[in-house]
Amino acid sequence: FINSFYTSDFEPIISFSHFVPRRELLPPQIFLKHKFLPYVVGSITLEQQVRSLGSTVHCYGHTHINQERVIDGIRYVQNALGYPREREYYGSDPKLVQVWPIFETQCQI
């Protein structure tokens, strides 16, 4: 089934981590509820691991902030499900996000 998505021999590498690999994946500090986040997220070691894998897409979590960006050719996706109390407070149910294949309407490169 998944092979039907490809028109070449390219196979994506999709990696996962709980922690945020790059500080740039946070929104600007002015928009953050927790202003200290930029000082405690991002890991050079984790980012090096993502790059050494040759990841096409990297899914991460931890901050509960939905985000989708392409940086240096890697698509980073956080699809925060949140705690039940967060879902109740914001009045939304978690939605599943398709991370591959990438469609032009999903993410600007």
C-alpha atoms as a PDB file:
ATOM      1  CA  PHE A   1       0.000   0.000   0.000  1.00  0.00           C
ATOM      2  CA  ILE A   2       2.580   2.602   1.045  1.00  0.00           C
ATOM      3  CA  ASN A   3       4.668   1.967  -2.075  1.00  0.00           C
ATOM      4  CA  SER A   4       1.812   3.338  -4.165  1.00  0.00           C
ATOM      5  CA  PHE A   5       2.782   6.830  -2.932  1.00  0.00           C
ATOM      6  CA  TYR A   6       6.165   6.760  -4.619  1.00  0.00           C
ATOM      7  CA  THR A   7       7.074   7.399  -8.207  1.00  0.00           C
ATOM      8  CA  SER A   8      10.776   6.688  -7.611  1.00  0.00           C
ATOM      9  CA  ASP A   9      12.996   4.614  -5.362  1.00  0.00           C
ATOM     10  CA  PHE A  10      13.022   7.344  -2.701  1.00  0.00           C
ATOM     11  CA  GLU A  11      11.994   6.110   0.723  1.00  0.00           C
ATOM     12  CA  PRO A  12      11.467   8.683   3.457  1.00  0.00           C
ATOM     13  CA  ILE A  13      13.035   8.356   6.879  1.00  0.00           C
ATOM     14  CA  ILE A  14      10.602   9.434   9.586  1.00  0.00           C
ATOM     15  CA  SER A  15      12.139   9.839  13.033  1.00  0.00           C
ATOM     16  CA  PHE A  16      10.511  10.491  16.403  1.00  0.00           C
ATOM     17  CA  SER A  17      11.498  11.988  19.737  1.00  0.00           C
ATOM     18  CA  HIS A  18       9.721  13.257  22.779  1.00  0.00           C
ATOM     19  CA  PHE A  19      11.951  16.308  23.087  1.00  0.00           C
ATOM     20  CA  VAL A  20      12.258  19.327  20.788  1.00  0.00           C
ATOM     21  CA  PRO A  21      15.388  19.034  18.643  1.00  0.00           C
ATOM     22  CA  ARG A  22      15.737  22.735  17.740  1.00  0.00           C
ATOM     23  CA  ARG A  23      14.974  25.920  19.632  1.00  0.00           C
ATOM     24  CA  GLU A  24      13.767  27.542  16.391  1.00  0.00           C
ATOM     25  CA  LEU A  25      10.747  25.239  16.465  1.00  0.00           C
ATOM     26  CA  LEU A  26       9.140  27.341  19.181  1.00  0.00           C
ATOM     27  CA  PRO A  27       6.927  30.309  18.350  1.00  0.00           C
ATOM     28  CA  PRO A  28       8.400  33.718  19.268  1.00  0.00           C
ATOM     29  CA  GLN A  29       8.731  34.102  23.037  1.00  0.00           C
ATOM     30  CA  ILE A  30       6.125  36.873  23.138  1.00  0.00           C
ATOM     31  CA  PHE A  31       3.458  34.295  22.166  1.00  0.00           C
ATOM     32  CA  LEU A  32       4.506  31.655  24.702  1.00  0.00           C
ATOM     33  CA  LYS A  33       2.492  31.012  27.840  1.00  0.00           C
ATOM     34  CA  HIS A  34       5.679  29.794  29.554  1.00  0.00           C
ATOM     35  CA  LYS A  35       8.321  32.431  28.768  1.00  0.00           C
ATOM     36  CA  PHE A  36      11.168  30.197  29.976  1.00  0.00           C
ATOM     37  CA  LEU A  37      10.673  27.589  27.220  1.00  0.00           C
ATOM     38  CA  PRO A  38      13.325  28.947  24.825  1.00  0.00           C
ATOM     39  CA  TYR A  39      15.913  28.406  27.570  1.00  0.00           C
ATOM     40  CA  VAL A  40      15.100  24.732  28.142  1.00  0.00           C
ATOM     41  CA  VAL A  41      14.247  23.281  24.711  1.00  0.00           C
ATOM     42  CA  GLY A  42      16.431  22.288  21.816  1.00  0.00           C
ATOM     43  CA  SER A  43      19.229  19.758  21.862  1.00  0.00           C
ATOM     44  CA  ILE A  44      22.286  19.886  19.646  1.00  0.00           C
ATOM     45  CA  THR A  45      22.828  16.162  20.245  1.00  0.00           C
ATOM     46  CA  LEU A  46      19.256  15.274  19.289  1.00  0.00           C
ATOM     47  CA  GLU A  47      19.400  17.476  16.186  1.00  0.00           C
ATOM     48  CA  GLN A  48      22.675  15.808  15.148  1.00  0.00           C
ATOM     49  CA  GLN A  49      21.009  12.392  15.520  1.00  0.00           C
ATOM     50  CA  VAL A  50      18.059  13.499  13.375  1.00  0.00           C
ATOM     51  CA  ARG A  51      20.471  14.729  10.684  1.00  0.00           C
ATOM     52  CA  SER A  52      22.702  11.654  10.839  1.00  0.00           C
ATOM     53  CA  LEU A  53      19.652   9.469  10.214  1.00  0.00           C
ATOM     54  CA  GLY A  54      18.903  11.476   7.080  1.00  0.00           C
ATOM     55  CA  SER A  55      15.383  12.165   8.314  1.00  0.00           C
ATOM     56  CA  THR A  56      12.841  13.455   5.857  1.00  0.00           C
ATOM     57  CA  VAL A  57      10.320  14.119   8.627  1.00  0.00           C
ATOM     58  CA  HIS A  58      10.904  14.371  12.367  1.00  0.00           C
ATOM     59  CA  CYS A  59       7.945  14.174  14.777  1.00  0.00           C
ATOM     60  CA  TYR A  60       8.493  15.501  18.283  1.00  0.00           C
ATOM     61  CA  GLY A  61       6.541  16.527  21.357  1.00  0.00           C
ATOM     62  CA  HIS A  62       7.003  17.807  24.887  1.00  0.00           C
ATOM     63  CA  THR A  63       5.882  21.452  24.602  1.00  0.00           C
ATOM     64  CA  HIS A  64       2.214  20.839  23.702  1.00  0.00           C
ATOM     65  CA  ILE A  65       2.497  23.470  20.956  1.00  0.00           C
ATOM     66  CA  ASN A  66       1.371  22.350  17.502  1.00  0.00           C
ATOM     67  CA  GLN A  67       4.000  23.194  14.946  1.00  0.00           C
ATOM     68  CA  GLU A  68       4.941  22.266  11.426  1.00  0.00           C
ATOM     69  CA  ARG A  69       8.014  23.725   9.753  1.00  0.00           C
ATOM     70  CA  VAL A  70      10.704  22.823   7.264  1.00  0.00           C
ATOM     71  CA  ILE A  71      14.219  23.784   8.316  1.00  0.00           C
ATOM     72  CA  ASP A  72      17.270  22.818   6.276  1.00  0.00           C
ATOM     73  CA  GLY A  73      15.279  20.264   4.294  1.00  0.00           C
ATOM     74  CA  ILE A  74      13.741  18.401   7.252  1.00  0.00           C
ATOM     75  CA  ARG A  75      10.038  18.670   7.988  1.00  0.00           C
ATOM     76  CA  TYR A  76       9.444  18.988  11.747  1.00  0.00           C
ATOM     77  CA  VAL A  77       5.957  18.167  13.038  1.00  0.00           C
ATOM     78  CA  GLN A  78       4.476  18.384  16.507  1.00  0.00           C
ATOM     79  CA  ASN A  79       0.877  17.271  16.741  1.00  0.00           C
ATOM     80  CA  ALA A  80       0.185  17.907  20.397  1.00  0.00           C
ATOM     81  CA  LEU A  81      -2.575  15.771  21.847  1.00  0.00           C
ATOM     82  CA  GLY A  82      -2.337  17.506  25.209  1.00  0.00           C
ATOM     83  CA  TYR A  83      -3.592  16.453  28.600  1.00  0.00           C
ATOM     84  CA  PRO A  84      -7.355  15.896  29.006  1.00  0.00           C
ATOM     85  CA  ARG A  85      -7.611  19.127  31.025  1.00  0.00           C
ATOM     86  CA  GLU A  86      -5.905  21.040  28.193  1.00  0.00           C
ATOM     87  CA  ARG A  87      -8.336  19.631  25.643  1.00  0.00           C
ATOM     88  CA  GLU A  88     -11.231  20.601  27.904  1.00  0.00           C
ATOM     89  CA  TYR A  89      -9.851  24.128  28.446  1.00  0.00           C
ATOM     90  CA  TYR A  90      -9.235  24.767  24.743  1.00  0.00           C
ATOM     91  CA  GLY A  91     -12.413  22.949  23.717  1.00  0.00           C
ATOM     92  CA  SER A  92     -10.876  20.717  21.089  1.00  0.00           C
ATOM     93  CA  ASP A  93     -10.284  17.075  20.448  1.00  0.00           C
ATOM     94  CA  PRO A  94      -6.911  15.883  19.157  1.00  0.00           C
ATOM     95  CA  LYS A  95      -6.669  15.440  15.404  1.00  0.00           C
ATOM     96  CA  LEU A  96      -4.414  13.031  13.585  1.00  0.00           C
ATOM     97  CA  VAL A  97      -1.917  14.593  11.187  1.00  0.00           C
ATOM     98  CA  GLN A  98      -0.578  12.893   8.075  1.00  0.00           C
ATOM     99  CA  VAL A  99       3.187  13.402   8.029  1.00  0.00           C
ATOM    100  CA  TRP A 100       3.977  11.677   4.728  1.00  0.00           C
ATOM    101  CA  PRO A 101       3.686  12.184   1.827  1.00  0.00           C
ATOM    102  CA  ILE A 102       4.122  15.949   1.997  1.00  0.00           C
ATOM    103  CA  PHE A 103       1.645  17.901  -0.085  1.00  0.00           C
ATOM    104  CA  GLU A 104       2.375  21.479  -1.156  1.00  0.00           C
ATOM    105  CA  THR A 105      -0.690  22.728   0.711  1.00  0.00           C
ATOM    106  CA  GLN A 106       0.527  21.210   3.996  1.00  0.00           C
ATOM    107  CA  CYS A 107       3.801  22.996   4.530  1.00  0.00           C
ATOM    108  CA  GLN A 108       5.779  25.783   2.953  1.00  0.00           C
ATOM    109  CA  ILE A 109       9.377  24.877   2.214  1.00  0.00           C
END
